C-alpha cells in the first residue's frame, strides 16, 4: 500500500485528490494539511511513503518543509504540486529533495501516475518542464562554485583516490586535501564524503 499525505492550502484541491484515490486499491491517504507546520506533525506521526506538496503555503512553505522532511526521513518521497513552472521554483524543489513535480492544471490521473512512479523509486516531472535544461544549468552553477584546486581534487575523488594519495600527487598535506573536501561538501550542499564521491562519479568532470 502506498500511503500518502497532502499539503495544500486550498481545501477543495485536497478534497478532489481524496475523492480520486478512494477508488484506488493501492493508494491510501493518511493525512492532509493546509500549511507546512501541520504537515510536519502528520509526517512525524504517520510517516507516509509519498507527500504531495504545495510550494506556496502559510507558516512553512513547501520548499522548506521538503528540506526538513528529507533530512528527518530520507526515504519519504515528495512530489511538488504547484501552479509554478518557472525554472527557479523547480530547481529549489529538486535541491530540497523532491522526486517529482506536477502542475495543478494537469489531469487528475497524472497525480496517480506521479504517486506510483516516485513510490517505485523513480522521478516524475510534468511534460511541460524542461528538466535537462534545468539540470545542466544547475551543474554548471555548481561547477563554478568550486575553485580550480577543488575541481582537480574532485576529479581525483571520482577516480577513487584517497586523501593520502591525492596529497602525494599534489605535493601537499593530507589536512589540506581534507579541508578542500569539506569545502566542496559545504558548497555543493552534500551531506558527507560518500555523497561527494557519488557526485564526482555522476558528473564525470573533464578538467
C-alpha atoms as a PDB file:
ATOM      1  CA  UNK A   1       0.000   0.000   0.000  1.00  0.00           C
ATOM      2  CA  UNK A   2       1.278   3.455  -0.945  1.00  0.00           C
ATOM      3  CA  UNK A   3       0.408   5.773   1.930  1.00  0.00           C
ATOM      4  CA  UNK A   4       0.268   9.470   1.061  1.00  0.00           C
ATOM      5  CA  UNK A   5      -0.160  12.833   2.750  1.00  0.00           C
ATOM      6  CA  UNK A   6      -1.258  16.057   1.067  1.00  0.00           C
ATOM      7  CA  UNK A   7      -0.093  19.586   1.893  1.00  0.00           C
ATOM      8  CA  UNK A   8      -2.258  22.147   0.115  1.00  0.00           C
ATOM      9  CA  UNK A   9      -3.728  25.457   1.293  1.00  0.00           C
ATOM     10  CA  UNK A  10      -6.839  25.056  -0.881  1.00  0.00           C
ATOM     11  CA  UNK A  11      -9.135  22.534   0.771  1.00  0.00           C
ATOM     12  CA  UNK A  12     -11.066  21.986  -2.452  1.00  0.00           C
ATOM     13  CA  UNK A  13      -7.952  20.530  -4.093  1.00  0.00           C
ATOM     14  CA  UNK A  14      -7.363  18.227  -1.137  1.00  0.00           C
ATOM     15  CA  UNK A  15     -10.978  17.051  -1.372  1.00  0.00           C
ATOM     16  CA  UNK A  16     -10.596  16.432  -5.103  1.00  0.00           C
ATOM     17  CA  UNK A  17      -7.449  14.329  -4.678  1.00  0.00           C
ATOM     18  CA  UNK A  18      -9.036  12.418  -1.805  1.00  0.00           C
ATOM     19  CA  UNK A  19     -12.025  11.519  -3.994  1.00  0.00           C
ATOM     20  CA  UNK A  20      -9.638  10.482  -6.755  1.00  0.00           C
ATOM     21  CA  UNK A  21      -7.671   7.989  -4.665  1.00  0.00           C
ATOM     22  CA  UNK A  22     -10.667   6.468  -2.895  1.00  0.00           C
ATOM     23  CA  UNK A  23     -11.185   4.216  -5.891  1.00  0.00           C
ATOM     24  CA  UNK A  24      -7.526   3.126  -5.931  1.00  0.00           C
ATOM     25  CA  UNK A  25      -6.762  -0.096  -4.080  1.00  0.00           C
ATOM     26  CA  UNK A  26      -3.016   0.521  -3.817  1.00  0.00           C
ATOM     27  CA  UNK A  27      -3.071   4.139  -2.540  1.00  0.00           C
ATOM     28  CA  UNK A  28      -4.283   5.355   0.853  1.00  0.00           C
ATOM     29  CA  UNK A  29      -4.487   8.901   2.237  1.00  0.00           C
ATOM     30  CA  UNK A  30      -3.232   9.062   5.833  1.00  0.00           C
ATOM     31  CA  UNK A  31      -3.447  12.818   6.389  1.00  0.00           C
ATOM     32  CA  UNK A  32      -3.799  16.278   4.897  1.00  0.00           C
ATOM     33  CA  UNK A  33      -2.682  19.754   5.958  1.00  0.00           C
ATOM     34  CA  UNK A  34      -3.276  23.348   4.894  1.00  0.00           C
ATOM     35  CA  UNK A  35       0.180  24.572   5.930  1.00  0.00           C
ATOM     36  CA  UNK A  36       3.719  23.279   6.338  1.00  0.00           C
ATOM     37  CA  UNK A  37       3.690  23.115  10.121  1.00  0.00           C
ATOM     38  CA  UNK A  38       0.567  20.927  10.182  1.00  0.00           C
ATOM     39  CA  UNK A  39       2.145  18.686   7.567  1.00  0.00           C
ATOM     40  CA  UNK A  40       5.276  18.087   9.657  1.00  0.00           C
ATOM     41  CA  UNK A  41       3.127  16.889  12.550  1.00  0.00           C
ATOM     42  CA  UNK A  42       1.351  14.416  10.267  1.00  0.00           C
ATOM     43  CA  UNK A  43       4.590  13.191   8.703  1.00  0.00           C
ATOM     44  CA  UNK A  44       6.265  12.605  12.063  1.00  0.00           C
ATOM     45  CA  UNK A  45       3.244  10.661  13.277  1.00  0.00           C
ATOM     46  CA  UNK A  46       2.247   8.712  10.148  1.00  0.00           C
ATOM     47  CA  UNK A  47       5.444   8.644   8.026  1.00  0.00           C
ATOM     48  CA  UNK A  48       3.678   8.328   4.639  1.00  0.00           C
ATOM     49  CA  UNK A  49       5.585   6.924   1.678  1.00  0.00           C
ATOM     50  CA  UNK A  50       4.702   9.874  -0.585  1.00  0.00           C
ATOM     51  CA  UNK A  51       3.805  13.512   0.042  1.00  0.00           C
ATOM     52  CA  UNK A  52       2.010  15.772  -2.435  1.00  0.00           C
ATOM     53  CA  UNK A  53       3.462  19.174  -1.572  1.00  0.00           C
ATOM     54  CA  UNK A  54       2.196  22.627  -2.489  1.00  0.00           C
ATOM     55  CA  UNK A  55       5.076  25.110  -2.766  1.00  0.00           C
ATOM     56  CA  UNK A  56       3.317  28.244  -1.535  1.00  0.00           C
ATOM     57  CA  UNK A  57       1.776  27.626   1.885  1.00  0.00           C
ATOM     58  CA  UNK A  58       1.389  29.671   5.078  1.00  0.00           C
ATOM     59  CA  UNK A  59       3.606  29.224   8.179  1.00  0.00           C
ATOM     60  CA  UNK A  60       6.106  26.972   6.397  1.00  0.00           C
ATOM     61  CA  UNK A  61       6.381  26.818   2.609  1.00  0.00           C
ATOM     62  CA  UNK A  62       6.756  23.622   0.611  1.00  0.00           C
ATOM     63  CA  UNK A  63      10.444  24.117  -0.138  1.00  0.00           C
ATOM     64  CA  UNK A  64      11.473  24.410   3.493  1.00  0.00           C
ATOM     65  CA  UNK A  65       9.036  21.672   4.557  1.00  0.00           C
ATOM     66  CA  UNK A  66      10.613  19.363   1.965  1.00  0.00           C
ATOM     67  CA  UNK A  67      14.102  20.103   3.299  1.00  0.00           C
ATOM     68  CA  UNK A  68      13.032  19.284   6.851  1.00  0.00           C
ATOM     69  CA  UNK A  69      11.233  16.087   5.859  1.00  0.00           C
ATOM     70  CA  UNK A  70      14.071  14.767   3.670  1.00  0.00           C
ATOM     71  CA  UNK A  71      16.553  15.425   6.463  1.00  0.00           C
ATOM     72  CA  UNK A  72      14.469  13.553   9.050  1.00  0.00           C
ATOM     73  CA  UNK A  73      13.011  10.904   6.722  1.00  0.00           C
ATOM     74  CA  UNK A  74      15.200  10.470   3.617  1.00  0.00           C
ATOM     75  CA  UNK A  75      13.077   7.546   2.398  1.00  0.00           C
ATOM     76  CA  UNK A  76       9.900   9.623   2.081  1.00  0.00           C
ATOM     77  CA  UNK A  77       9.202  10.790  -1.481  1.00  0.00           C
ATOM     78  CA  UNK A  78       7.975  14.328  -2.151  1.00  0.00           C
ATOM     79  CA  UNK A  79       6.051  15.480  -5.219  1.00  0.00           C
ATOM     80  CA  UNK A  80       5.777  19.225  -5.767  1.00  0.00           C
ATOM     81  CA  UNK A  81       2.195  20.188  -6.667  1.00  0.00           C
ATOM     82  CA  UNK A  82       2.020  23.766  -7.851  1.00  0.00           C
ATOM     83  CA  UNK A  83       0.972  26.403 -10.376  1.00  0.00           C
ATOM     84  CA  UNK A  84       4.593  27.492 -10.828  1.00  0.00           C
ATOM     85  CA  UNK A  85       6.567  26.062 -13.747  1.00  0.00           C
ATOM     86  CA  UNK A  86       9.436  28.565 -13.561  1.00  0.00           C
ATOM     87  CA  UNK A  87      12.908  27.020 -13.587  1.00  0.00           C
ATOM     88  CA  UNK A  88      13.821  28.642 -10.266  1.00  0.00           C
ATOM     89  CA  UNK A  89      10.898  27.005  -8.459  1.00  0.00           C
ATOM     90  CA  UNK A  90      11.705  23.608  -9.981  1.00  0.00           C
ATOM     91  CA  UNK A  91      15.385  23.924  -9.053  1.00  0.00           C
ATOM     92  CA  UNK A  92      14.579  24.871  -5.477  1.00  0.00           C
ATOM     93  CA  UNK A  93      12.324  21.851  -5.029  1.00  0.00           C
ATOM     94  CA  UNK A  94      14.848  19.488  -6.642  1.00  0.00           C
ATOM     95  CA  UNK A  95      17.590  20.857  -4.388  1.00  0.00           C
ATOM     96  CA  UNK A  96      15.307  20.435  -1.376  1.00  0.00           C
ATOM     97  CA  UNK A  97      14.915  16.752  -2.258  1.00  0.00           C
ATOM     98  CA  UNK A  98      11.699  16.446  -4.287  1.00  0.00           C
ATOM     99  CA  UNK A  99      11.366  13.373  -6.517  1.00  0.00           C
ATOM    100  CA  UNK A 100       8.552  14.760  -8.642  1.00  0.00           C
ATOM    101  CA  UNK A 101       6.998  17.980  -9.920  1.00  0.00           C
ATOM    102  CA  UNK A 102       3.487  18.274 -11.344  1.00  0.00           C
ATOM    103  CA  UNK A 103       1.370  21.283 -12.211  1.00  0.00           C
ATOM    104  CA  UNK A 104      -2.082  21.868 -10.760  1.00  0.00           C
ATOM    105  CA  UNK A 105      -3.678  22.212 -14.184  1.00  0.00           C
ATOM    106  CA  UNK A 106      -2.554  18.671 -15.116  1.00  0.00           C
ATOM    107  CA  UNK A 107      -5.224  15.939 -15.387  1.00  0.00           C
ATOM    108  CA  UNK A 108      -6.011  14.379 -12.018  1.00  0.00           C
ATOM    109  CA  UNK A 109      -4.959  10.975 -13.361  1.00  0.00           C
ATOM    110  CA  UNK A 110      -1.459  12.413 -13.707  1.00  0.00           C
ATOM    111  CA  UNK A 111      -1.320  12.623  -9.913  1.00  0.00           C
ATOM    112  CA  UNK A 112      -1.898   8.881  -9.651  1.00  0.00           C
ATOM    113  CA  UNK A 113       0.849   8.262 -12.208  1.00  0.00           C
ATOM    114  CA  UNK A 114       3.234  10.528 -10.276  1.00  0.00           C
ATOM    115  CA  UNK A 115       2.473   8.841  -6.942  1.00  0.00           C
ATOM    116  CA  UNK A 116       3.102   5.345  -8.283  1.00  0.00           C
ATOM    117  CA  UNK A 117       6.234   6.423 -10.161  1.00  0.00           C
ATOM    118  CA  UNK A 118       8.005   8.050  -7.206  1.00  0.00           C
ATOM    119  CA  UNK A 119       6.859   5.272  -4.853  1.00  0.00           C
ATOM    120  CA  UNK A 120       8.701   2.825  -7.130  1.00  0.00           C
ATOM    121  CA  UNK A 121      11.904   4.832  -6.695  1.00  0.00           C
ATOM    122  CA  UNK A 122      11.831   6.808  -9.945  1.00  0.00           C
ATOM    123  CA  UNK A 123      11.463  10.537 -10.568  1.00  0.00           C
ATOM    124  CA  UNK A 124       8.397  12.070 -12.203  1.00  0.00           C
ATOM    125  CA  UNK A 125       8.209  15.505 -13.802  1.00  0.00           C
ATOM    126  CA  UNK A 126       5.447  17.232 -15.729  1.00  0.00           C
ATOM    127  CA  UNK A 127       5.960  17.052 -19.502  1.00  0.00           C
ATOM    128  CA  UNK A 128       5.981  20.852 -19.769  1.00  0.00           C
ATOM    129  CA  UNK A 129       9.127  21.081 -17.634  1.00  0.00           C
ATOM    130  CA  UNK A 130      12.479  21.048 -19.442  1.00  0.00           C
ATOM    131  CA  UNK A 131      14.302  19.042 -16.804  1.00  0.00           C
ATOM    132  CA  UNK A 132      17.503  18.509 -18.802  1.00  0.00           C
ATOM    133  CA  UNK A 133      17.955  22.252 -19.263  1.00  0.00           C
ATOM    134  CA  UNK A 134      17.425  22.845 -15.554  1.00  0.00           C
ATOM    135  CA  UNK A 135      19.875  20.121 -14.504  1.00  0.00           C
ATOM    136  CA  UNK A 136      22.513  21.283 -16.993  1.00  0.00           C
ATOM    137  CA  UNK A 137      22.264  24.842 -15.669  1.00  0.00           C
ATOM    138  CA  UNK A 138      22.424  23.571 -12.101  1.00  0.00           C
ATOM    139  CA  UNK A 139      25.547  21.509 -12.827  1.00  0.00           C
ATOM    140  CA  UNK A 140      27.235  24.499 -14.459  1.00  0.00           C
ATOM    141  CA  UNK A 141      26.412  26.726 -11.495  1.00  0.00           C
ATOM    142  CA  UNK A 142      27.772  24.191  -9.024  1.00  0.00           C
ATOM    143  CA  UNK A 143      30.928  23.720 -11.058  1.00  0.00           C
ATOM    144  CA  UNK A 144      31.535  27.469 -10.988  1.00  0.00           C
ATOM    145  CA  UNK A 145      31.283  27.397  -7.193  1.00  0.00           C
ATOM    146  CA  UNK A 146      34.446  25.320  -6.973  1.00  0.00           C
ATOM    147  CA  UNK A 147      37.979  26.662  -7.203  1.00  0.00           C
ATOM    148  CA  UNK A 148      40.476  25.195  -9.675  1.00  0.00           C
ATOM    149  CA  UNK A 149      42.129  23.183  -6.900  1.00  0.00           C
ATOM    150  CA  UNK A 150      38.789  21.873  -5.705  1.00  0.00           C
ATOM    151  CA  UNK A 151      37.810  20.783  -9.227  1.00  0.00           C
ATOM    152  CA  UNK A 152      41.129  18.975  -9.618  1.00  0.00           C
ATOM    153  CA  UNK A 153      40.671  17.209  -6.292  1.00  0.00           C
ATOM    154  CA  UNK A 154      37.054  16.352  -7.164  1.00  0.00           C
ATOM    155  CA  UNK A 155      38.272  14.628 -10.318  1.00  0.00           C
ATOM    156  CA  UNK A 156      40.714  12.546  -8.250  1.00  0.00           C
ATOM    157  CA  UNK A 157      37.942  11.727  -5.780  1.00  0.00           C
ATOM    158  CA  UNK A 158      35.923  10.426  -8.721  1.00  0.00           C
ATOM    159  CA  UNK A 159      38.896   8.249  -9.685  1.00  0.00           C
ATOM    160  CA  UNK A 160      38.691   6.612  -6.264  1.00  0.00           C
ATOM    161  CA  UNK A 161      41.867   8.122  -4.820  1.00  0.00           C
ATOM    162  CA  UNK A 162      42.201   8.552  -1.046  1.00  0.00           C
ATOM    163  CA  UNK A 163      43.117  11.833   0.635  1.00  0.00           C
ATOM    164  CA  UNK A 164      46.644  10.487   1.184  1.00  0.00           C
ATOM    165  CA  UNK A 165      47.041   9.583  -2.495  1.00  0.00           C
ATOM    166  CA  UNK A 166      45.701  12.978  -3.579  1.00  0.00           C
ATOM    167  CA  UNK A 167      48.040  14.758  -1.160  1.00  0.00           C
ATOM    168  CA  UNK A 168      51.046  12.859  -2.551  1.00  0.00           C
ATOM    169  CA  UNK A 169      50.091  13.629  -6.157  1.00  0.00           C
ATOM    170  CA  UNK A 170      49.576  17.321  -5.362  1.00  0.00           C
ATOM    171  CA  UNK A 171      52.638  17.611  -3.110  1.00  0.00           C
ATOM    172  CA  UNK A 172      50.539  18.916  -0.247  1.00  0.00           C
ATOM    173  CA  UNK A 173      49.378  17.759   3.185  1.00  0.00           C
ATOM    174  CA  UNK A 174      46.501  15.388   3.884  1.00  0.00           C
ATOM    175  CA  UNK A 175      44.924  18.067   6.101  1.00  0.00           C
ATOM    176  CA  UNK A 176      44.840  20.464   3.131  1.00  0.00           C
ATOM    177  CA  UNK A 177      43.086  17.877   0.980  1.00  0.00           C
ATOM    178  CA  UNK A 178      40.606  17.171   3.787  1.00  0.00           C
ATOM    179  CA  UNK A 179      39.921  20.898   4.071  1.00  0.00           C
ATOM    180  CA  UNK A 180      39.173  21.066   0.334  1.00  0.00           C
ATOM    181  CA  UNK A 181      36.858  18.065   0.678  1.00  0.00           C
ATOM    182  CA  UNK A 182      34.926  19.763   3.489  1.00  0.00           C
ATOM    183  CA  UNK A 183      34.669  22.991   1.494  1.00  0.00           C
ATOM    184  CA  UNK A 184      33.298  21.125  -1.530  1.00  0.00           C
ATOM    185  CA  UNK A 185      30.748  19.265   0.599  1.00  0.00           C
ATOM    186  CA  UNK A 186      29.583  22.598   2.009  1.00  0.00           C
ATOM    187  CA  UNK A 187      29.499  24.420  -1.342  1.00  0.00           C
ATOM    188  CA  UNK A 188      27.656  21.605  -3.114  1.00  0.00           C
ATOM    189  CA  UNK A 189      25.223  21.149  -0.225  1.00  0.00           C
ATOM    190  CA  UNK A 190      26.164  17.497   0.264  1.00  0.00           C
ATOM    191  CA  UNK A 191      25.975  15.516   3.491  1.00  0.00           C
ATOM    192  CA  UNK A 192      29.344  13.750   3.626  1.00  0.00           C
ATOM    193  CA  UNK A 193      32.286  12.075   1.881  1.00  0.00           C
ATOM    194  CA  UNK A 194      30.101   9.341   0.432  1.00  0.00           C
ATOM    195  CA  UNK A 195      27.899  11.897  -1.329  1.00  0.00           C
ATOM    196  CA  UNK A 196      30.974  13.746  -2.583  1.00  0.00           C
ATOM    197  CA  UNK A 197      32.241  10.557  -4.226  1.00  0.00           C
ATOM    198  CA  UNK A 198      28.842   9.859  -5.751  1.00  0.00           C
ATOM    199  CA  UNK A 199      28.644  13.448  -7.016  1.00  0.00           C
ATOM    200  CA  UNK A 200      32.105  13.153  -8.610  1.00  0.00           C
ATOM    201  CA  UNK A 201      31.164   9.860 -10.282  1.00  0.00           C
ATOM    202  CA  UNK A 202      27.866  11.235 -11.599  1.00  0.00           C
ATOM    203  CA  UNK A 203      29.296  14.446 -13.021  1.00  0.00           C
ATOM    204  CA  UNK A 204      32.443  12.933 -14.579  1.00  0.00           C
ATOM    205  CA  UNK A 205      34.033  16.359 -14.912  1.00  0.00           C
ATOM    206  CA  UNK A 206      36.758  16.647 -17.534  1.00  0.00           C
ATOM    207  CA  UNK A 207      39.199  19.331 -16.366  1.00  0.00           C
END
